[in-house]
Amino acid sequence: MYEAIPAVNFGKVADFSLGGTVGLEYASLAGGGSQTSFLLAPGAQARLFLSPNFALMGDVGLVIAFGDNNRETDFDIGGETVADFGFAYFFR
């Protein structure tokens, strides 16, 4: 998977980013055959810096997966929302 979330707004103690992830998923099925999915996940991230090397952060996004589902000429489109909250420590 490839992820790109460039910052679009900088503050003295916070920043806000928009971006996304793209990926390709391939699965070999036990009974034979295979399944291939393409993943697209747009999202946003906010970080609040409590010190120069410690930040609280939150992410929110939507995962959209589409591709074949091991049936002829039939495609599925599915999606899910994702969110997380955490912290980061930056070593200097």
PDB file of N, CA and C in Angstrom:
ATOM      1  N   MET A   1       0.851  -1.177   0.000  1.00  0.00           N
ATOM      2  CA  MET A   1       0.000   0.000   0.000  1.00  0.00           C
ATOM      3  C   MET A   1       0.890   1.231   0.000  1.00  0.00           C
ATOM      4  N   TYR A   2       0.455   2.256  -0.651  1.00  0.00           N
ATOM      5  CA  TYR A   2       1.156   3.527  -0.697  1.00  0.00           C
ATOM      6  C   TYR A   2       0.297   4.564   0.014  1.00  0.00           C
ATOM      7  N   GLU A   3       0.899   5.360   0.868  1.00  0.00           N
ATOM      8  CA  GLU A   3       0.147   6.358   1.626  1.00  0.00           C
ATOM      9  C   GLU A   3       0.788   7.726   1.453  1.00  0.00           C
ATOM     10  N   ALA A   4      -0.043   8.736   1.216  1.00  0.00           N
ATOM     11  CA  ALA A   4       0.434  10.113   1.101  1.00  0.00           C
ATOM     12  C   ALA A   4      -0.534  11.027   1.833  1.00  0.00           C
ATOM     13  N   ILE A   5      -0.040  11.677   2.890  1.00  0.00           N
ATOM     14  CA  ILE A   5      -0.880  12.601   3.648  1.00  0.00           C
ATOM     15  C   ILE A   5      -0.078  13.889   3.866  1.00  0.00           C
ATOM     16  N   PRO A   6      -0.011  14.757   2.861  1.00  0.00           N
ATOM     17  CA  PRO A   6       0.734  16.000   3.034  1.00  0.00           C
ATOM     18  C   PRO A   6      -0.045  17.001   3.897  1.00  0.00           C
ATOM     19  N   ALA A   7       0.670  17.767   4.720  1.00  0.00           N
ATOM     20  CA  ALA A   7       0.033  18.770   5.571  1.00  0.00           C
ATOM     21  C   ALA A   7      -0.501  19.917   4.714  1.00  0.00           C
ATOM     22  N   VAL A   8      -1.732  20.346   4.989  1.00  0.00           N
ATOM     23  CA  VAL A   8      -2.331  21.454   4.241  1.00  0.00           C
ATOM     24  C   VAL A   8      -2.491  22.697   5.097  1.00  0.00           C
ATOM     25  N   ASN A   9      -2.335  22.572   6.420  1.00  0.00           N
ATOM     26  CA  ASN A   9      -2.461  23.736   7.299  1.00  0.00           C
ATOM     27  C   ASN A   9      -1.524  23.547   8.488  1.00  0.00           C
ATOM     28  N   PHE A  10      -0.627  24.516   8.705  1.00  0.00           N
ATOM     29  CA  PHE A  10       0.314  24.463   9.815  1.00  0.00           C
ATOM     30  C   PHE A  10      -0.027  25.544  10.828  1.00  0.00           C
ATOM     31  N   GLY A  11       0.044  25.211  12.109  1.00  0.00           N
ATOM     32  CA  GLY A  11      -0.092  26.181  13.174  1.00  0.00           C
ATOM     33  C   GLY A  11       1.138  26.112  14.057  1.00  0.00           C
ATOM     34  N   LYS A  12       1.174  26.897  15.121  1.00  0.00           N
ATOM     35  CA  LYS A  12       2.330  26.865  16.027  1.00  0.00           C
ATOM     36  C   LYS A  12       2.423  25.538  16.773  1.00  0.00           C
ATOM     37  N   VAL A  13       1.273  24.954  17.139  1.00  0.00           N
ATOM     38  CA  VAL A  13       1.289  23.705  17.901  1.00  0.00           C
ATOM     39  C   VAL A  13       0.415  22.617  17.277  1.00  0.00           C
ATOM     40  N   ALA A  14      -0.034  22.791  16.048  1.00  0.00           N
ATOM     41  CA  ALA A  14      -0.903  21.795  15.417  1.00  0.00           C
ATOM     42  C   ALA A  14      -0.758  21.841  13.903  1.00  0.00           C
ATOM     43  N   ASP A  15      -1.141  20.750  13.241  1.00  0.00           N
ATOM     44  CA  ASP A  15      -1.257  20.746  11.788  1.00  0.00           C
ATOM     45  C   ASP A  15      -2.417  19.853  11.364  1.00  0.00           C
ATOM     46  N   PHE A  16      -2.859  20.041  10.132  1.00  0.00           N
ATOM     47  CA  PHE A  16      -3.992  19.311   9.563  1.00  0.00           C
ATOM     48  C   PHE A  16      -3.575  18.822   8.193  1.00  0.00           C
ATOM     49  N   SER A  17      -3.848  17.558   7.881  1.00  0.00           N
ATOM     50  CA  SER A  17      -3.422  16.960   6.623  1.00  0.00           C
ATOM     51  C   SER A  17      -4.586  16.269   5.921  1.00  0.00           C
ATOM     52  N   LEU A  18      -4.551  16.310   4.595  1.00  0.00           N
ATOM     53  CA  LEU A  18      -5.484  15.569   3.741  1.00  0.00           C
ATOM     54  C   LEU A  18      -4.668  14.688   2.823  1.00  0.00           C
ATOM     55  N   GLY A  19      -5.157  13.497   2.529  1.00  0.00           N
ATOM     56  CA  GLY A  19      -4.425  12.615   1.639  1.00  0.00           C
ATOM     57  C   GLY A  19      -5.149  11.300   1.476  1.00  0.00           C
ATOM     58  N   GLY A  20      -4.378  10.263   1.219  1.00  0.00           N
ATOM     59  CA  GLY A  20      -5.006   8.974   1.039  1.00  0.00           C
ATOM     60  C   GLY A  20      -4.016   7.864   0.793  1.00  0.00           C
ATOM     61  N   THR A  21      -4.577   6.689   0.603  1.00  0.00           N
ATOM     62  CA  THR A  21      -3.814   5.474   0.389  1.00  0.00           C
ATOM     63  C   THR A  21      -4.397   4.742  -0.811  1.00  0.00           C
ATOM     64  N   VAL A  22      -3.542   4.141  -1.606  1.00  0.00           N
ATOM     65  CA  VAL A  22      -3.990   3.249  -2.673  1.00  0.00           C
ATOM     66  C   VAL A  22      -3.263   1.921  -2.497  1.00  0.00           C
ATOM     67  N   GLY A  23      -3.928   0.837  -2.848  1.00  0.00           N
ATOM     68  CA  GLY A  23      -3.300  -0.466  -2.702  1.00  0.00           C
ATOM     69  C   GLY A  23      -3.929  -1.511  -3.595  1.00  0.00           C
ATOM     70  N   LEU A  24      -3.255  -2.632  -3.704  1.00  0.00           N
ATOM     71  CA  LEU A  24      -3.717  -3.767  -4.492  1.00  0.00           C
ATOM     72  C   LEU A  24      -3.644  -4.988  -3.585  1.00  0.00           C
ATOM     73  N   GLU A  25      -4.728  -5.758  -3.519  1.00  0.00           N
ATOM     74  CA  GLU A  25      -4.796  -6.942  -2.670  1.00  0.00           C
ATOM     75  C   GLU A  25      -5.080  -8.155  -3.554  1.00  0.00           C
ATOM     76  N   TYR A  26      -4.289  -9.204  -3.386  1.00  0.00           N
ATOM     77  CA  TYR A  26      -4.460 -10.430  -4.154  1.00  0.00           C
ATOM     78  C   TYR A  26      -4.554 -11.596  -3.184  1.00  0.00           C
ATOM     79  N   ALA A  27      -5.535 -12.462  -3.358  1.00  0.00           N
ATOM     80  CA  ALA A  27      -5.703 -13.625  -2.485  1.00  0.00           C
ATOM     81  C   ALA A  27      -5.897 -14.877  -3.337  1.00  0.00           C
ATOM     82  N   SER A  28      -5.146 -15.930  -3.018  1.00  0.00           N
ATOM     83  CA  SER A  28      -5.356 -17.247  -3.627  1.00  0.00           C
ATOM     84  C   SER A  28      -6.338 -17.995  -2.740  1.00  0.00           C
ATOM     85  N   LEU A  29      -7.409 -18.496  -3.332  1.00  0.00           N
ATOM     86  CA  LEU A  29      -8.455 -19.170  -2.565  1.00  0.00           C
ATOM     87  C   LEU A  29      -8.129 -20.646  -2.398  1.00  0.00           C
ATOM     88  N   ALA A  30      -8.561 -21.237  -1.274  1.00  0.00           N
ATOM     89  CA  ALA A  30      -8.237 -22.627  -0.946  1.00  0.00           C
ATOM     90  C   ALA A  30      -8.772 -23.607  -1.984  1.00  0.00           C
ATOM     91  N   GLY A  31      -9.955 -23.387  -2.513  1.00  0.00           N
ATOM     92  CA  GLY A  31     -10.549 -24.292  -3.492  1.00  0.00           C
ATOM     93  C   GLY A  31     -10.097 -24.028  -4.912  1.00  0.00           C
ATOM     94  N   GLY A  32      -9.117 -23.187  -5.096  1.00  0.00           N
ATOM     95  CA  GLY A  32      -8.660 -22.808  -6.426  1.00  0.00           C
ATOM     96  C   GLY A  32      -9.181 -21.439  -6.800  1.00  0.00           C
ATOM     97  N   GLY A  33      -8.593 -20.840  -7.746  1.00  0.00           N
ATOM     98  CA  GLY A  33      -8.990 -19.503  -8.169  1.00  0.00           C
ATOM     99  C   GLY A  33      -8.294 -18.424  -7.343  1.00  0.00           C
ATOM    100  N   SER A  34      -8.667 -17.199  -7.612  1.00  0.00           N
ATOM    101  CA  SER A  34      -8.047 -16.078  -6.923  1.00  0.00           C
ATOM    102  C   SER A  34      -9.013 -14.907  -6.862  1.00  0.00           C
ATOM    103  N   GLN A  35      -8.636 -13.926  -6.079  1.00  0.00           N
ATOM    104  CA  GLN A  35      -9.439 -12.708  -5.944  1.00  0.00           C
ATOM    105  C   GLN A  35      -8.487 -11.521  -5.906  1.00  0.00           C
ATOM    106  N   THR A  36      -8.791 -10.492  -6.668  1.00  0.00           N
ATOM    107  CA  THR A  36      -7.967  -9.283  -6.713  1.00  0.00           C
ATOM    108  C   THR A  36      -8.840  -8.087  -6.376  1.00  0.00           C
ATOM    109  N   SER A  37      -8.356  -7.240  -5.464  1.00  0.00           N
ATOM    110  CA  SER A  37      -9.095  -6.033  -5.082  1.00  0.00           C
ATOM    111  C   SER A  37      -8.183  -4.826  -5.191  1.00  0.00           C
ATOM    112  N   PHE A  38      -8.736  -3.710  -5.592  1.00  0.00           N
ATOM    113  CA  PHE A  38      -8.042  -2.432  -5.611  1.00  0.00           C
ATOM    114  C   PHE A  38      -8.611  -1.607  -4.462  1.00  0.00           C
ATOM    115  N   LEU A  39      -7.758  -1.020  -3.621  1.00  0.00           N
ATOM    116  CA  LEU A  39      -8.184  -0.276  -2.447  1.00  0.00           C
ATOM    117  C   LEU A  39      -7.878   1.206  -2.617  1.00  0.00           C
ATOM    118  N   LEU A  40      -8.823   2.027  -2.274  1.00  0.00           N
ATOM    119  CA  LEU A  40      -8.684   3.480  -2.313  1.00  0.00           C
ATOM    120  C   LEU A  40      -9.185   4.002  -0.976  1.00  0.00           C
ATOM    121  N   ALA A  41      -8.343   4.768  -0.247  1.00  0.00           N
ATOM    122  CA  ALA A  41      -8.704   5.199   1.104  1.00  0.00           C
ATOM    123  C   ALA A  41      -8.371   6.674   1.318  1.00  0.00           C
ATOM    124  N   PRO A  42      -9.298   7.592   0.972  1.00  0.00           N
ATOM    125  CA  PRO A  42      -9.055   9.006   1.273  1.00  0.00           C
ATOM    126  C   PRO A  42      -9.225   9.249   2.773  1.00  0.00           C
ATOM    127  N   GLY A  43      -8.489  10.250   3.300  1.00  0.00           N
ATOM    128  CA  GLY A  43      -8.591  10.511   4.730  1.00  0.00           C
ATOM    129  C   GLY A  43      -8.002  11.848   5.143  1.00  0.00           C
ATOM    130  N   ALA A  44      -8.073  12.107   6.444  1.00  0.00           N
ATOM    131  CA  ALA A  44      -7.546  13.338   7.030  1.00  0.00           C
ATOM    132  C   ALA A  44      -6.875  13.005   8.359  1.00  0.00           C
ATOM    133  N   GLN A  45      -5.917  13.857   8.755  1.00  0.00           N
ATOM    134  CA  GLN A  45      -5.210  13.673  10.014  1.00  0.00           C
ATOM    135  C   GLN A  45      -4.997  15.030  10.667  1.00  0.00           C
ATOM    136  N   ALA A  46      -5.173  15.078  11.985  1.00  0.00           N
ATOM    137  CA  ALA A  46      -4.878  16.281  12.769  1.00  0.00           C
ATOM    138  C   ALA A  46      -3.882  15.893  13.858  1.00  0.00           C
ATOM    139  N   ARG A  47      -2.879  16.765  14.081  1.00  0.00           N
ATOM    140  CA  ARG A  47      -1.891  16.524  15.131  1.00  0.00           C
ATOM    141  C   ARG A  47      -1.797  17.754  16.021  1.00  0.00           C
ATOM    142  N   LEU A  48      -1.729  17.533  17.319  1.00  0.00           N
ATOM    143  CA  LEU A  48      -1.554  18.585  18.310  1.00  0.00           C
ATOM    144  C   LEU A  48      -0.240  18.316  19.031  1.00  0.00           C
ATOM    145  N   PHE A  49       0.734  19.212  18.859  1.00  0.00           N
ATOM    146  CA  PHE A  49       2.056  19.043  19.451  1.00  0.00           C
ATOM    147  C   PHE A  49       2.052  19.611  20.863  1.00  0.00           C
ATOM    148  N   LEU A  50       2.212  18.716  21.853  1.00  0.00           N
ATOM    149  CA  LEU A  50       2.258  19.134  23.243  1.00  0.00           C
ATOM    150  C   LEU A  50       3.663  19.556  23.655  1.00  0.00           C
ATOM    151  N   SER A  51       4.662  19.128  22.910  1.00  0.00           N
ATOM    152  CA  SER A  51       6.055  19.545  23.073  1.00  0.00           C
ATOM    153  C   SER A  51       6.690  19.420  21.689  1.00  0.00           C
ATOM    154  N   PRO A  52       7.939  19.847  21.516  1.00  0.00           N
ATOM    155  CA  PRO A  52       8.553  19.750  20.185  1.00  0.00           C
ATOM    156  C   PRO A  52       8.652  18.329  19.628  1.00  0.00           C
ATOM    157  N   ASN A  53       8.632  17.304  20.513  1.00  0.00           N
ATOM    158  CA  ASN A  53       8.768  15.935  20.005  1.00  0.00           C
ATOM    159  C   ASN A  53       7.667  14.983  20.468  1.00  0.00           C
ATOM    160  N   PHE A  54       6.516  15.498  20.921  1.00  0.00           N
ATOM    161  CA  PHE A  54       5.399  14.654  21.342  1.00  0.00           C
ATOM    162  C   PHE A  54       4.094  15.243  20.815  1.00  0.00           C
ATOM    163  N   ALA A  55       3.281  14.414  20.168  1.00  0.00           N
ATOM    164  CA  ALA A  55       2.035  14.892  19.567  1.00  0.00           C
ATOM    165  C   ALA A  55       0.899  13.916  19.804  1.00  0.00           C
ATOM    166  N   LEU A  56      -0.282  14.443  20.047  1.00  0.00           N
ATOM    167  CA  LEU A  56      -1.513  13.661  19.995  1.00  0.00           C
ATOM    168  C   LEU A  56      -2.044  13.780  18.579  1.00  0.00           C
ATOM    169  N   MET A  57      -2.609  12.697  18.048  1.00  0.00           N
ATOM    170  CA  MET A  57      -3.093  12.763  16.672  1.00  0.00           C
ATOM    171  C   MET A  57      -4.341  11.920  16.502  1.00  0.00           C
ATOM    172  N   GLY A  58      -5.121  12.297  15.511  1.00  0.00           N
ATOM    173  CA  GLY A  58      -6.317  11.562  15.158  1.00  0.00           C
ATOM    174  C   GLY A  58      -6.456  11.478  13.653  1.00  0.00           C
ATOM    175  N   ASP A  59      -6.920  10.339  13.175  1.00  0.00           N
ATOM    176  CA  ASP A  59      -7.124  10.097  11.742  1.00  0.00           C
ATOM    177  C   ASP A  59      -8.566   9.705  11.502  1.00  0.00           C
ATOM    178  N   VAL A  60      -9.082  10.068  10.353  1.00  0.00           N
ATOM    179  CA  VAL A  60     -10.403   9.624   9.932  1.00  0.00           C
ATOM    180  C   VAL A  60     -10.349   9.398   8.421  1.00  0.00           C
ATOM    181  N   GLY A  61     -11.074   8.386   7.948  1.00  0.00           N
ATOM    182  CA  GLY A  61     -11.041   8.105   6.520  1.00  0.00           C
ATOM    183  C   GLY A  61     -12.117   7.123   6.107  1.00  0.00           C
ATOM    184  N   LEU A  62     -12.108   6.802   4.840  1.00  0.00           N
ATOM    185  CA  LEU A  62     -13.066   5.882   4.241  1.00  0.00           C
ATOM    186  C   LEU A  62     -12.288   4.949   3.330  1.00  0.00           C
ATOM    187  N   VAL A  63     -12.454   3.640   3.513  1.00  0.00           N
ATOM    188  CA  VAL A  63     -11.788   2.655   2.665  1.00  0.00           C
ATOM    189  C   VAL A  63     -12.788   2.147   1.635  1.00  0.00           C
ATOM    190  N   ILE A  64     -12.421   2.225   0.374  1.00  0.00           N
ATOM    191  CA  ILE A  64     -13.264   1.745  -0.723  1.00  0.00           C
ATOM    192  C   ILE A  64     -12.487   0.638  -1.432  1.00  0.00           C
ATOM    193  N   ALA A  65     -13.048  -0.560  -1.482  1.00  0.00           N
ATOM    194  CA  ALA A  65     -12.416  -1.698  -2.140  1.00  0.00           C
ATOM    195  C   ALA A  65     -13.287  -2.149  -3.298  1.00  0.00           C
ATOM    196  N   PHE A  66     -12.666  -2.357  -4.453  1.00  0.00           N
ATOM    197  CA  PHE A  66     -13.422  -2.865  -5.596  1.00  0.00           C
ATOM    198  C   PHE A  66     -12.522  -3.759  -6.431  1.00  0.00           C
ATOM    199  N   GLY A  67     -13.133  -4.668  -7.159  1.00  0.00           N
ATOM    200  CA  GLY A  67     -12.397  -5.615  -7.980  1.00  0.00           C
ATOM    201  C   GLY A  67     -13.201  -6.876  -8.178  1.00  0.00           C
ATOM    202  N   ASP A  68     -12.552  -7.928  -8.682  1.00  0.00           N
ATOM    203  CA  ASP A  68     -13.291  -9.163  -8.947  1.00  0.00           C
ATOM    204  C   ASP A  68     -13.549  -9.918  -7.648  1.00  0.00           C
ATOM    205  N   ASN A  69     -14.570 -10.750  -7.666  1.00  0.00           N
ATOM    206  CA  ASN A  69     -14.922 -11.545  -6.487  1.00  0.00           C
ATOM    207  C   ASN A  69     -15.012 -13.022  -6.840  1.00  0.00           C
ATOM    208  N   ASN A  70     -14.156 -13.458  -7.746  1.00  0.00           N
ATOM    209  CA  ASN A  70     -14.043 -14.853  -8.159  1.00  0.00           C
ATOM    210  C   ASN A  70     -15.271 -15.360  -8.903  1.00  0.00           C
ATOM    211  N   ARG A  71     -16.015 -14.456  -9.517  1.00  0.00           N
ATOM    212  CA  ARG A  71     -17.128 -14.828 -10.400  1.00  0.00           C
ATOM    213  C   ARG A  71     -16.907 -14.133 -11.736  1.00  0.00           C
ATOM    214  N   GLU A  72     -17.395 -14.743 -12.791  1.00  0.00           N
ATOM    215  CA  GLU A  72     -17.184 -14.156 -14.111  1.00  0.00           C
ATOM    216  C   GLU A  72     -17.994 -12.876 -14.290  1.00  0.00           C
ATOM    217  N   THR A  73     -17.367 -11.861 -14.833  1.00  0.00           N
ATOM    218  CA  THR A  73     -17.967 -10.565 -15.182  1.00  0.00           C
ATOM    219  C   THR A  73     -18.865  -9.995 -14.081  1.00  0.00           C
ATOM    220  N   ASP A  74     -18.436 -10.125 -12.854  1.00  0.00           N
ATOM    221  CA  ASP A  74     -19.178  -9.577 -11.724  1.00  0.00           C
ATOM    222  C   ASP A  74     -18.194  -8.823 -10.836  1.00  0.00           C
ATOM    223  N   PHE A  75     -18.535  -7.609 -10.468  1.00  0.00           N
ATOM    224  CA  PHE A  75     -17.651  -6.789  -9.645  1.00  0.00           C
ATOM    225  C   PHE A  75     -18.380  -6.375  -8.373  1.00  0.00           C
ATOM    226  N   ASP A  76     -17.658  -6.332  -7.265  1.00  0.00           N
ATOM    227  CA  ASP A  76     -18.192  -5.874  -5.988  1.00  0.00           C
ATOM    228  C   ASP A  76     -17.555  -4.544  -5.622  1.00  0.00           C
ATOM    229  N   ILE A  77     -18.322  -3.679  -5.018  1.00  0.00           N
ATOM    230  CA  ILE A  77     -17.807  -2.443  -4.443  1.00  0.00           C
ATOM    231  C   ILE A  77     -18.213  -2.441  -2.974  1.00  0.00           C
ATOM    232  N   GLY A  78     -17.239  -2.294  -2.096  1.00  0.00           N
ATOM    233  CA  GLY A  78     -17.516  -2.268  -0.666  1.00  0.00           C
ATOM    234  C   GLY A  78     -16.750  -1.133  -0.024  1.00  0.00           C
ATOM    235  N   GLY A  79     -17.133  -0.762   1.167  1.00  0.00           N
ATOM    236  CA  GLY A  79     -16.435   0.315   1.857  1.00  0.00           C
ATOM    237  C   GLY A  79     -16.601   0.211   3.355  1.00  0.00           C
ATOM    238  N   GLU A  80     -15.748   0.928   4.087  1.00  0.00           N
ATOM    239  CA  GLU A  80     -15.855   0.995   5.534  1.00  0.00           C
ATOM    240  C   GLU A  80     -15.224   2.300   6.000  1.00  0.00           C
ATOM    241  N   THR A  81     -15.733   2.829   7.090  1.00  0.00           N
ATOM    242  CA  THR A  81     -15.130   4.027   7.663  1.00  0.00           C
ATOM    243  C   THR A  81     -14.084   3.600   8.684  1.00  0.00           C
ATOM    244  N   VAL A  82     -13.050   4.398   8.803  1.00  0.00           N
ATOM    245  CA  VAL A  82     -11.994   4.113   9.760  1.00  0.00           C
ATOM    246  C   VAL A  82     -11.663   5.378  10.544  1.00  0.00           C
ATOM    247  N   ALA A  83     -11.302   5.216  11.804  1.00  0.00           N
ATOM    248  CA  ALA A  83     -10.875   6.335  12.639  1.00  0.00           C
ATOM    249  C   ALA A  83      -9.944   5.792  13.712  1.00  0.00           C
ATOM    250  N   ASP A  84      -8.977   6.599  14.106  1.00  0.00           N
ATOM    251  CA  ASP A  84      -8.114   6.208  15.212  1.00  0.00           C
ATOM    252  C   ASP A  84      -7.612   7.445  15.935  1.00  0.00           C
ATOM    253  N   PHE A  85      -7.095   7.216  17.126  1.00  0.00           N
ATOM    254  CA  PHE A  85      -6.560   8.272  17.971  1.00  0.00           C
ATOM    255  C   PHE A  85      -5.310   7.727  18.634  1.00  0.00           C
ATOM    256  N   GLY A  86      -4.285   8.529  18.743  1.00  0.00           N
ATOM    257  CA  GLY A  86      -3.065   8.028  19.359  1.00  0.00           C
ATOM    258  C   GLY A  86      -2.089   9.145  19.635  1.00  0.00           C
ATOM    259  N   PHE A  87      -0.837   8.752  19.864  1.00  0.00           N
ATOM    260  CA  PHE A  87       0.205   9.734  20.109  1.00  0.00           C
ATOM    261  C   PHE A  87       1.457   9.312  19.351  1.00  0.00           C
ATOM    262  N   ALA A  88       2.358  10.266  19.152  1.00  0.00           N
ATOM    263  CA  ALA A  88       3.618   9.998  18.489  1.00  0.00           C
ATOM    264  C   ALA A  88       4.732  10.691  19.255  1.00  0.00           C
ATOM    265  N   TYR A  89       5.865   9.992  19.398  1.00  0.00           N
ATOM    266  CA  TYR A  89       7.056  10.573  20.007  1.00  0.00           C
ATOM    267  C   TYR A  89       8.111  10.629  18.925  1.00  0.00           C
ATOM    268  N   PHE A  90       8.668  11.787  18.678  1.00  0.00           N
ATOM    269  CA  PHE A  90       9.669  11.987  17.637  1.00  0.00           C
ATOM    270  C   PHE A  90      11.045  12.037  18.289  1.00  0.00           C
ATOM    271  N   PHE A  91      11.933  11.092  17.934  1.00  0.00           N
ATOM    272  CA  PHE A  91      13.293  11.085  18.475  1.00  0.00           C
ATOM    273  C   PHE A  91      14.108  12.144  17.765  1.00  0.00           C
ATOM    274  N   ARG A  92      14.878  12.882  18.503  1.00  0.00           N
ATOM    275  CA  ARG A  92      15.728  13.928  17.924  1.00  0.00           C
ATOM    276  C   ARG A  92      17.176  13.626  18.190  1.00  0.00           C
TER     277      ARG A  92
END
